[in-house]
Amino acid sequence: MLEFILVILVGALPAFFLWSAIHELSHYFAVKLMRKTTGGIFKIYPHFEGKSFVFASVQTAYAGETLSNKEIAVQFLAPRALDLLAVVLVPLAGLFVAPWLQALWLVVWGAGIIDLAVGSTGATAVSDLQRASHALGWSPWVLRILGWTFVIIAATITVLVFAL
């Protein structure tokens, strides 16, 4: 049990930066799939963008006209695809025998669940959720409810797997 707790404590901060990089790279590659990119500036640490606090950010330079609403939605929803992969993978931690391996799996993929949870609040106008909702013409509550539903499903299944 001690090694389980130690792995989680030691791994939490690196997992934050790892998942910040994954999250921001997904934005970048979403734009790259739609447009010819000419560069990007990545900040995978907490900072302020104007007056808003953000955990990480990327500014992607691309060729051509301004992104369409559909392209904006794809750009800002891209991290959710990886977050949904985390929803599927995090419960598998209970299948490992070694406690340290369970903890490592939970830390890495659990960071994706945390990313989905935090991203599903959409508290500021510059949040991915708000930008995607606006581009789609949807209420932000649609994405909030969907995101939190998946967070709850992942947590419930993970607890059940560990309880069995």
N, C-alpha and C. Protein backbone atom coordinates (compact mmCIF):
# COMPACT_ATOMS: atom_id res chain seq x y z
N MET A 1 0.83 -1.20 0.00
CA MET A 1 0.00 0.00 0.00
C MET A 1 0.87 1.26 0.00
N LEU A 2 1.99 1.21 0.71
CA LEU A 2 2.89 2.35 0.78
C LEU A 2 3.45 2.69 -0.60
N GLU A 3 3.85 1.65 -1.34
CA GLU A 3 4.40 1.92 -2.68
C GLU A 3 3.33 2.50 -3.60
N PHE A 4 2.08 2.10 -3.44
CA PHE A 4 0.96 2.63 -4.21
C PHE A 4 0.84 4.14 -3.96
N ILE A 5 0.85 4.53 -2.69
CA ILE A 5 0.73 5.94 -2.32
C ILE A 5 1.94 6.75 -2.78
N LEU A 6 3.13 6.17 -2.63
CA LEU A 6 4.35 6.88 -3.05
C LEU A 6 4.36 7.14 -4.55
N VAL A 7 3.96 6.14 -5.34
CA VAL A 7 3.94 6.32 -6.79
C VAL A 7 2.97 7.43 -7.17
N ILE A 8 1.82 7.46 -6.52
CA ILE A 8 0.84 8.51 -6.82
C ILE A 8 1.38 9.89 -6.44
N LEU A 9 1.98 9.99 -5.25
CA LEU A 9 2.52 11.28 -4.80
C LEU A 9 3.67 11.76 -5.68
N VAL A 10 4.57 10.85 -6.03
CA VAL A 10 5.73 11.22 -6.84
C VAL A 10 5.33 11.46 -8.30
N GLY A 11 4.33 10.73 -8.77
CA GLY A 11 3.95 10.81 -10.17
C GLY A 11 2.96 11.90 -10.52
N ALA A 12 2.30 12.49 -9.53
CA ALA A 12 1.23 13.45 -9.82
C ALA A 12 1.73 14.67 -10.59
N LEU A 13 2.81 15.29 -10.15
CA LEU A 13 3.30 16.49 -10.83
C LEU A 13 3.81 16.19 -12.25
N PRO A 14 4.64 15.15 -12.44
CA PRO A 14 5.03 14.84 -13.83
C PRO A 14 3.83 14.49 -14.71
N ALA A 15 2.82 13.83 -14.14
CA ALA A 15 1.63 13.48 -14.92
C ALA A 15 0.88 14.74 -15.36
N PHE A 16 0.86 15.75 -14.50
CA PHE A 16 0.21 17.01 -14.88
C PHE A 16 0.87 17.59 -16.13
N PHE A 17 2.21 17.66 -16.11
CA PHE A 17 2.91 18.25 -17.25
C PHE A 17 2.82 17.35 -18.48
N LEU A 18 2.86 16.03 -18.28
CA LEU A 18 2.70 15.11 -19.40
C LEU A 18 1.33 15.30 -20.05
N TRP A 19 0.28 15.33 -19.22
CA TRP A 19 -1.05 15.45 -19.80
C TRP A 19 -1.30 16.86 -20.36
N SER A 20 -0.66 17.87 -19.80
CA SER A 20 -0.75 19.22 -20.39
C SER A 20 -0.17 19.21 -21.79
N ALA A 21 0.97 18.53 -21.96
CA ALA A 21 1.60 18.44 -23.28
C ALA A 21 0.70 17.65 -24.24
N ILE A 22 0.15 16.54 -23.79
CA ILE A 22 -0.76 15.74 -24.63
C ILE A 22 -1.96 16.58 -25.05
N HIS A 23 -2.53 17.29 -24.10
CA HIS A 23 -3.72 18.12 -24.35
C HIS A 23 -3.41 19.19 -25.41
N GLU A 24 -2.33 19.92 -25.20
CA GLU A 24 -2.00 21.01 -26.13
C GLU A 24 -1.55 20.48 -27.49
N LEU A 25 -0.85 19.36 -27.50
CA LEU A 25 -0.47 18.77 -28.79
C LEU A 25 -1.70 18.33 -29.59
N SER A 26 -2.74 17.88 -28.90
CA SER A 26 -3.95 17.48 -29.62
C SER A 26 -4.60 18.69 -30.30
N HIS A 27 -4.58 19.85 -29.64
CA HIS A 27 -5.06 21.07 -30.29
C HIS A 27 -4.22 21.36 -31.54
N TYR A 28 -2.91 21.30 -31.36
CA TYR A 28 -1.99 21.62 -32.45
C TYR A 28 -2.20 20.69 -33.64
N PHE A 29 -2.26 19.37 -33.37
CA PHE A 29 -2.39 18.41 -34.47
C PHE A 29 -3.77 18.46 -35.11
N ALA A 30 -4.79 18.86 -34.37
CA ALA A 30 -6.11 19.04 -34.97
C ALA A 30 -6.05 20.14 -36.03
N VAL A 31 -5.39 21.24 -35.70
CA VAL A 31 -5.25 22.33 -36.67
C VAL A 31 -4.35 21.88 -37.81
N LYS A 32 -3.30 21.15 -37.48
CA LYS A 32 -2.36 20.68 -38.51
C LYS A 32 -3.05 19.76 -39.52
N LEU A 33 -4.02 18.98 -39.07
CA LEU A 33 -4.76 18.12 -39.99
C LEU A 33 -5.66 18.92 -40.93
N MET A 34 -6.07 20.10 -40.49
CA MET A 34 -6.99 20.91 -41.30
C MET A 34 -6.29 21.98 -42.13
N ARG A 35 -5.14 22.43 -41.67
CA ARG A 35 -4.42 23.52 -42.32
C ARG A 35 -2.92 23.25 -42.33
N LYS A 36 -2.22 23.98 -43.18
CA LYS A 36 -0.75 23.93 -43.16
C LYS A 36 -0.30 24.83 -42.01
N THR A 37 0.34 24.22 -41.01
CA THR A 37 0.80 25.02 -39.87
C THR A 37 2.19 25.56 -40.15
N THR A 38 2.44 26.74 -39.60
CA THR A 38 3.74 27.37 -39.78
C THR A 38 4.48 27.51 -38.46
N GLY A 39 3.90 26.95 -37.40
CA GLY A 39 4.57 26.99 -36.10
C GLY A 39 3.58 26.99 -34.96
N GLY A 40 4.13 26.91 -33.77
CA GLY A 40 3.29 26.93 -32.59
C GLY A 40 4.10 27.31 -31.37
N ILE A 41 3.45 27.93 -30.42
CA ILE A 41 4.08 28.29 -29.14
C ILE A 41 3.33 27.54 -28.05
N PHE A 42 4.05 26.63 -27.39
CA PHE A 42 3.46 25.80 -26.35
C PHE A 42 3.87 26.31 -24.98
N LYS A 43 2.90 26.40 -24.10
CA LYS A 43 3.16 26.71 -22.69
C LYS A 43 2.43 25.63 -21.89
N ILE A 44 3.17 24.66 -21.37
CA ILE A 44 2.52 23.54 -20.68
C ILE A 44 2.63 23.70 -19.16
N TYR A 45 2.49 24.92 -18.74
CA TYR A 45 2.55 25.25 -17.31
C TYR A 45 1.44 26.27 -17.02
N PRO A 46 0.99 26.35 -15.79
CA PRO A 46 -0.06 27.32 -15.45
C PRO A 46 0.43 28.76 -15.65
N HIS A 47 -0.44 29.59 -16.24
CA HIS A 47 -0.10 30.99 -16.50
C HIS A 47 -1.37 31.77 -16.81
N PHE A 48 -1.20 33.05 -17.06
CA PHE A 48 -2.33 33.89 -17.44
C PHE A 48 -2.27 34.17 -18.93
N GLU A 49 -3.41 34.02 -19.59
CA GLU A 49 -3.59 34.43 -20.99
C GLU A 49 -4.48 35.66 -20.91
N GLY A 50 -3.90 36.82 -21.04
CA GLY A 50 -4.66 38.05 -20.81
C GLY A 50 -5.05 38.11 -19.35
N LYS A 51 -6.34 38.19 -19.08
CA LYS A 51 -6.82 38.24 -17.69
C LYS A 51 -7.26 36.88 -17.17
N SER A 52 -7.22 35.85 -18.03
CA SER A 52 -7.71 34.53 -17.64
C SER A 52 -6.57 33.60 -17.26
N PHE A 53 -6.77 32.86 -16.16
CA PHE A 53 -5.81 31.85 -15.74
C PHE A 53 -6.06 30.59 -16.55
N VAL A 54 -4.99 29.99 -17.08
CA VAL A 54 -5.07 28.72 -17.81
C VAL A 54 -3.99 27.79 -17.29
N PHE A 55 -4.26 26.49 -17.39
CA PHE A 55 -3.28 25.50 -16.94
C PHE A 55 -2.18 25.28 -17.96
N ALA A 56 -2.52 25.48 -19.24
CA ALA A 56 -1.55 25.34 -20.34
C ALA A 56 -2.18 25.96 -21.57
N SER A 57 -1.37 26.21 -22.59
CA SER A 57 -1.92 26.79 -23.82
C SER A 57 -1.00 26.51 -24.99
N VAL A 58 -1.59 26.65 -26.19
CA VAL A 58 -0.81 26.59 -27.43
C VAL A 58 -1.37 27.64 -28.37
N GLN A 59 -0.48 28.33 -29.02
CA GLN A 59 -0.86 29.27 -30.07
C GLN A 59 -0.31 28.69 -31.37
N THR A 60 -1.21 28.36 -32.27
CA THR A 60 -0.82 27.71 -33.52
C THR A 60 -0.91 28.71 -34.66
N ALA A 61 0.17 28.85 -35.38
CA ALA A 61 0.19 29.68 -36.58
C ALA A 61 -0.08 28.78 -37.77
N TYR A 62 -1.00 29.20 -38.62
CA TYR A 62 -1.36 28.39 -39.78
C TYR A 62 -1.56 29.28 -40.99
N ALA A 63 -1.46 28.67 -42.15
CA ALA A 63 -1.62 29.40 -43.40
C ALA A 63 -3.10 29.44 -43.78
N GLY A 64 -3.46 30.48 -44.48
CA GLY A 64 -4.82 30.54 -45.00
C GLY A 64 -5.73 31.42 -44.18
N GLU A 65 -7.00 31.31 -44.50
CA GLU A 65 -8.02 32.14 -43.88
C GLU A 65 -8.30 31.71 -42.44
N THR A 66 -9.12 32.49 -41.79
CA THR A 66 -9.53 32.19 -40.42
C THR A 66 -10.27 30.86 -40.38
N LEU A 67 -10.11 30.12 -39.29
CA LEU A 67 -10.78 28.83 -39.15
C LEU A 67 -12.30 29.02 -39.16
N SER A 68 -12.98 28.06 -39.79
CA SER A 68 -14.44 28.07 -39.79
C SER A 68 -14.94 27.62 -38.42
N ASN A 69 -16.22 27.79 -38.16
CA ASN A 69 -16.79 27.34 -36.89
C ASN A 69 -16.59 25.84 -36.69
N LYS A 70 -16.75 25.06 -37.76
CA LYS A 70 -16.54 23.61 -37.67
C LYS A 70 -15.09 23.30 -37.30
N GLU A 71 -14.15 24.00 -37.92
CA GLU A 71 -12.73 23.79 -37.63
C GLU A 71 -12.39 24.22 -36.20
N ILE A 72 -12.99 25.31 -35.75
CA ILE A 72 -12.78 25.76 -34.36
C ILE A 72 -13.29 24.71 -33.39
N ALA A 73 -14.45 24.15 -33.67
CA ALA A 73 -15.01 23.11 -32.80
C ALA A 73 -14.09 21.90 -32.76
N VAL A 74 -13.58 21.48 -33.91
CA VAL A 74 -12.65 20.34 -33.95
C VAL A 74 -11.40 20.65 -33.14
N GLN A 75 -10.86 21.84 -33.32
CA GLN A 75 -9.65 22.24 -32.60
C GLN A 75 -9.85 22.15 -31.09
N PHE A 76 -10.96 22.68 -30.60
CA PHE A 76 -11.15 22.75 -29.15
C PHE A 76 -11.76 21.49 -28.54
N LEU A 77 -12.28 20.60 -29.36
CA LEU A 77 -12.77 19.31 -28.85
C LEU A 77 -11.73 18.20 -28.97
N ALA A 78 -10.63 18.45 -29.69
CA ALA A 78 -9.60 17.43 -29.92
C ALA A 78 -9.10 16.76 -28.64
N PRO A 79 -8.82 17.49 -27.56
CA PRO A 79 -8.33 16.82 -26.35
C PRO A 79 -9.35 15.84 -25.75
N ARG A 80 -10.61 16.05 -26.01
CA ARG A 80 -11.63 15.15 -25.46
C ARG A 80 -11.52 13.75 -26.02
N ALA A 81 -11.00 13.60 -27.23
CA ALA A 81 -10.81 12.25 -27.79
C ALA A 81 -9.81 11.48 -26.93
N LEU A 82 -8.73 12.13 -26.54
CA LEU A 82 -7.74 11.47 -25.68
C LEU A 82 -8.26 11.30 -24.26
N ASP A 83 -9.07 12.24 -23.81
CA ASP A 83 -9.70 12.10 -22.50
C ASP A 83 -10.62 10.88 -22.48
N LEU A 84 -11.33 10.65 -23.57
CA LEU A 84 -12.22 9.49 -23.65
C LEU A 84 -11.42 8.19 -23.70
N LEU A 85 -10.22 8.24 -24.29
CA LEU A 85 -9.33 7.07 -24.23
C LEU A 85 -8.96 6.79 -22.78
N ALA A 86 -8.70 7.82 -22.01
CA ALA A 86 -8.40 7.67 -20.58
C ALA A 86 -9.59 7.06 -19.83
N VAL A 87 -10.80 7.45 -20.21
CA VAL A 87 -12.01 6.89 -19.59
C VAL A 87 -12.04 5.38 -19.78
N VAL A 88 -11.65 4.92 -20.95
CA VAL A 88 -11.63 3.49 -21.24
C VAL A 88 -10.48 2.78 -20.52
N LEU A 89 -9.32 3.42 -20.46
CA LEU A 89 -8.12 2.75 -19.95
C LEU A 89 -7.94 2.81 -18.44
N VAL A 90 -8.42 3.85 -17.77
CA VAL A 90 -8.16 3.99 -16.33
C VAL A 90 -8.70 2.81 -15.51
N PRO A 91 -9.87 2.25 -15.83
CA PRO A 91 -10.35 1.12 -15.03
C PRO A 91 -9.48 -0.13 -15.14
N LEU A 92 -8.67 -0.22 -16.19
CA LEU A 92 -7.82 -1.39 -16.38
C LEU A 92 -6.71 -1.48 -15.33
N ALA A 93 -6.50 -0.42 -14.57
CA ALA A 93 -5.48 -0.43 -13.52
C ALA A 93 -5.72 -1.55 -12.53
N GLY A 94 -6.97 -1.86 -12.27
CA GLY A 94 -7.30 -2.92 -11.32
C GLY A 94 -6.90 -4.31 -11.78
N LEU A 95 -6.55 -4.45 -13.03
CA LEU A 95 -6.15 -5.75 -13.56
C LEU A 95 -4.67 -6.07 -13.30
N PHE A 96 -3.88 -5.06 -12.94
CA PHE A 96 -2.47 -5.28 -12.65
C PHE A 96 -2.32 -5.83 -11.24
N VAL A 97 -1.35 -6.71 -11.05
CA VAL A 97 -1.12 -7.32 -9.74
C VAL A 97 -0.26 -6.42 -8.86
N ALA A 98 0.77 -5.85 -9.44
CA ALA A 98 1.72 -5.04 -8.66
C ALA A 98 1.09 -3.69 -8.30
N PRO A 99 1.06 -3.35 -7.01
CA PRO A 99 0.48 -2.07 -6.59
C PRO A 99 1.14 -0.85 -7.24
N TRP A 100 2.45 -0.87 -7.42
CA TRP A 100 3.13 0.27 -8.01
C TRP A 100 2.70 0.46 -9.46
N LEU A 101 2.44 -0.66 -10.17
CA LEU A 101 2.01 -0.58 -11.56
C LEU A 101 0.56 -0.07 -11.64
N GLN A 102 -0.28 -0.51 -10.71
CA GLN A 102 -1.64 0.01 -10.63
C GLN A 102 -1.61 1.52 -10.43
N ALA A 103 -0.78 1.96 -9.50
CA ALA A 103 -0.69 3.39 -9.18
C ALA A 103 -0.17 4.19 -10.37
N LEU A 104 0.86 3.67 -11.02
CA LEU A 104 1.42 4.36 -12.19
C LEU A 104 0.37 4.50 -13.29
N TRP A 105 -0.36 3.42 -13.54
CA TRP A 105 -1.42 3.44 -14.56
C TRP A 105 -2.49 4.47 -14.19
N LEU A 106 -2.88 4.48 -12.90
CA LEU A 106 -3.89 5.42 -12.44
C LEU A 106 -3.42 6.87 -12.56
N VAL A 107 -2.16 7.10 -12.25
CA VAL A 107 -1.63 8.47 -12.32
C VAL A 107 -1.62 8.97 -13.77
N VAL A 108 -1.10 8.16 -14.68
CA VAL A 108 -0.98 8.60 -16.07
C VAL A 108 -2.35 8.77 -16.72
N TRP A 109 -3.19 7.74 -16.67
CA TRP A 109 -4.49 7.82 -17.31
C TRP A 109 -5.49 8.60 -16.47
N GLY A 110 -5.31 8.60 -15.17
CA GLY A 110 -6.16 9.41 -14.30
C GLY A 110 -6.01 10.89 -14.59
N ALA A 111 -4.84 11.29 -15.03
CA ALA A 111 -4.63 12.70 -15.41
C ALA A 111 -5.55 13.06 -16.58
N GLY A 112 -5.82 12.10 -17.45
CA GLY A 112 -6.76 12.34 -18.55
C GLY A 112 -8.18 12.51 -18.04
N ILE A 113 -8.54 11.76 -17.00
CA ILE A 113 -9.86 11.90 -16.40
C ILE A 113 -9.97 13.28 -15.73
N ILE A 114 -8.91 13.68 -15.05
CA ILE A 114 -8.90 15.01 -14.42
C ILE A 114 -9.00 16.10 -15.48
N ASP A 115 -8.28 15.90 -16.59
CA ASP A 115 -8.36 16.86 -17.70
C ASP A 115 -9.79 16.97 -18.21
N LEU A 116 -10.47 15.85 -18.33
CA LEU A 116 -11.87 15.86 -18.78
C LEU A 116 -12.76 16.55 -17.76
N ALA A 117 -12.54 16.29 -16.48
CA ALA A 117 -13.34 16.91 -15.43
C ALA A 117 -13.14 18.43 -15.40
N VAL A 118 -11.89 18.84 -15.39
CA VAL A 118 -11.60 20.28 -15.36
C VAL A 118 -12.10 20.94 -16.64
N GLY A 119 -11.88 20.29 -17.77
CA GLY A 119 -12.34 20.83 -19.04
C GLY A 119 -13.85 20.89 -19.16
N SER A 120 -14.53 20.08 -18.38
CA SER A 120 -15.99 20.05 -18.44
C SER A 120 -16.65 21.10 -17.54
N THR A 121 -15.84 21.90 -16.88
CA THR A 121 -16.42 23.01 -16.12
C THR A 121 -16.66 24.20 -17.04
N GLY A 122 -15.70 24.48 -17.92
CA GLY A 122 -15.86 25.58 -18.87
C GLY A 122 -16.14 26.90 -18.20
N ALA A 123 -15.38 27.18 -17.16
CA ALA A 123 -15.65 28.35 -16.31
C ALA A 123 -15.37 29.69 -16.98
N THR A 124 -14.40 29.74 -17.86
CA THR A 124 -14.04 31.04 -18.45
C THR A 124 -14.36 31.07 -19.95
N ALA A 125 -14.43 32.25 -20.48
CA ALA A 125 -14.74 32.43 -21.91
C ALA A 125 -13.64 31.85 -22.81
N VAL A 126 -12.42 31.71 -22.30
CA VAL A 126 -11.33 31.18 -23.12
C VAL A 126 -11.18 29.67 -22.96
N SER A 127 -12.06 29.03 -22.21
CA SER A 127 -11.96 27.58 -22.02
C SER A 127 -12.31 26.85 -23.32
N ASP A 128 -11.76 25.65 -23.47
CA ASP A 128 -12.06 24.85 -24.65
C ASP A 128 -13.56 24.60 -24.78
N LEU A 129 -14.20 24.30 -23.66
CA LEU A 129 -15.63 24.00 -23.67
C LEU A 129 -16.44 25.20 -24.18
N GLN A 130 -16.14 26.38 -23.69
CA GLN A 130 -16.87 27.58 -24.12
C GLN A 130 -16.62 27.87 -25.60
N ARG A 131 -15.38 27.74 -26.03
CA ARG A 131 -15.07 28.04 -27.43
C ARG A 131 -15.73 27.03 -28.37
N ALA A 132 -15.68 25.74 -28.01
CA ALA A 132 -16.31 24.71 -28.85
C ALA A 132 -17.83 24.88 -28.86
N SER A 133 -18.41 25.15 -27.69
CA SER A 133 -19.87 25.34 -27.61
C SER A 133 -20.31 26.51 -28.48
N HIS A 134 -19.57 27.60 -28.39
CA HIS A 134 -19.90 28.79 -29.18
C HIS A 134 -19.80 28.48 -30.68
N ALA A 135 -18.72 27.79 -31.08
CA ALA A 135 -18.53 27.46 -32.49
C ALA A 135 -19.63 26.53 -33.01
N LEU A 136 -20.11 25.63 -32.16
CA LEU A 136 -21.16 24.69 -32.56
C LEU A 136 -22.56 25.29 -32.44
N GLY A 137 -22.66 26.40 -31.70
CA GLY A 137 -23.97 27.00 -31.45
C GLY A 137 -24.77 26.21 -30.43
N TRP A 138 -24.06 25.52 -29.54
CA TRP A 138 -24.69 24.70 -28.50
C TRP A 138 -24.60 25.41 -27.16
N SER A 139 -25.47 25.00 -26.26
CA SER A 139 -25.33 25.44 -24.87
C SER A 139 -24.10 24.73 -24.29
N PRO A 140 -23.29 25.43 -23.50
CA PRO A 140 -22.13 24.76 -22.89
C PRO A 140 -22.54 23.60 -21.97
N TRP A 141 -23.78 23.62 -21.52
CA TRP A 141 -24.25 22.55 -20.63
C TRP A 141 -24.27 21.20 -21.31
N VAL A 142 -24.42 21.17 -22.62
CA VAL A 142 -24.40 19.89 -23.34
C VAL A 142 -23.04 19.22 -23.16
N LEU A 143 -21.97 19.98 -23.40
CA LEU A 143 -20.62 19.42 -23.25
C LEU A 143 -20.27 19.16 -21.79
N ARG A 144 -20.74 20.01 -20.88
CA ARG A 144 -20.51 19.79 -19.45
C ARG A 144 -21.12 18.47 -19.01
N ILE A 145 -22.38 18.28 -19.35
CA ILE A 145 -23.08 17.06 -18.92
C ILE A 145 -22.44 15.82 -19.54
N LEU A 146 -22.11 15.88 -20.82
CA LEU A 146 -21.44 14.74 -21.47
C LEU A 146 -20.09 14.44 -20.79
N GLY A 147 -19.29 15.48 -20.57
CA GLY A 147 -17.98 15.29 -19.95
C GLY A 147 -18.09 14.68 -18.56
N TRP A 148 -18.93 15.26 -17.73
CA TRP A 148 -19.06 14.76 -16.36
C TRP A 148 -19.70 13.37 -16.31
N THR A 149 -20.53 13.05 -17.27
CA THR A 149 -21.09 11.69 -17.34
C THR A 149 -19.97 10.68 -17.55
N PHE A 150 -19.05 10.98 -18.46
CA PHE A 150 -17.93 10.08 -18.70
C PHE A 150 -16.98 10.00 -17.50
N VAL A 151 -16.77 11.12 -16.81
CA VAL A 151 -15.94 11.11 -15.60
C VAL A 151 -16.56 10.18 -14.56
N ILE A 152 -17.85 10.29 -14.36
CA ILE A 152 -18.54 9.46 -13.36
C ILE A 152 -18.52 7.99 -13.77
N ILE A 153 -18.71 7.71 -15.04
CA ILE A 153 -18.65 6.33 -15.53
C ILE A 153 -17.27 5.73 -15.27
N ALA A 154 -16.21 6.47 -15.61
CA ALA A 154 -14.84 5.98 -15.41
C ALA A 154 -14.57 5.73 -13.93
N ALA A 155 -14.97 6.66 -13.08
CA ALA A 155 -14.74 6.51 -11.64
C ALA A 155 -15.51 5.32 -11.09
N THR A 156 -16.74 5.16 -11.50
CA THR A 156 -17.57 4.06 -11.00
C THR A 156 -17.00 2.71 -11.42
N ILE A 157 -16.65 2.57 -12.68
CA ILE A 157 -16.10 1.30 -13.16
C ILE A 157 -14.77 1.00 -12.49
N THR A 158 -13.94 2.03 -12.30
CA THR A 158 -12.64 1.82 -11.64
C THR A 158 -12.83 1.34 -10.21
N VAL A 159 -13.73 1.95 -9.48
CA VAL A 159 -14.01 1.53 -8.10
C VAL A 159 -14.52 0.10 -8.08
N LEU A 160 -15.41 -0.24 -9.01
CA LEU A 160 -15.94 -1.61 -9.07
C LEU A 160 -14.85 -2.63 -9.38
N VAL A 161 -13.95 -2.29 -10.31
CA VAL A 161 -12.86 -3.21 -10.66
C VAL A 161 -11.97 -3.45 -9.44
N PHE A 162 -11.66 -2.41 -8.69
CA PHE A 162 -10.82 -2.56 -7.51
C PHE A 162 -11.55 -3.29 -6.38
N ALA A 163 -12.88 -3.17 -6.34
CA ALA A 163 -13.65 -3.81 -5.28
C ALA A 163 -13.81 -5.31 -5.51
N LEU A 164 -13.69 -5.74 -6.75
CA LEU A 164 -13.87 -7.17 -7.07
C LEU A 164 -12.66 -7.99 -6.79
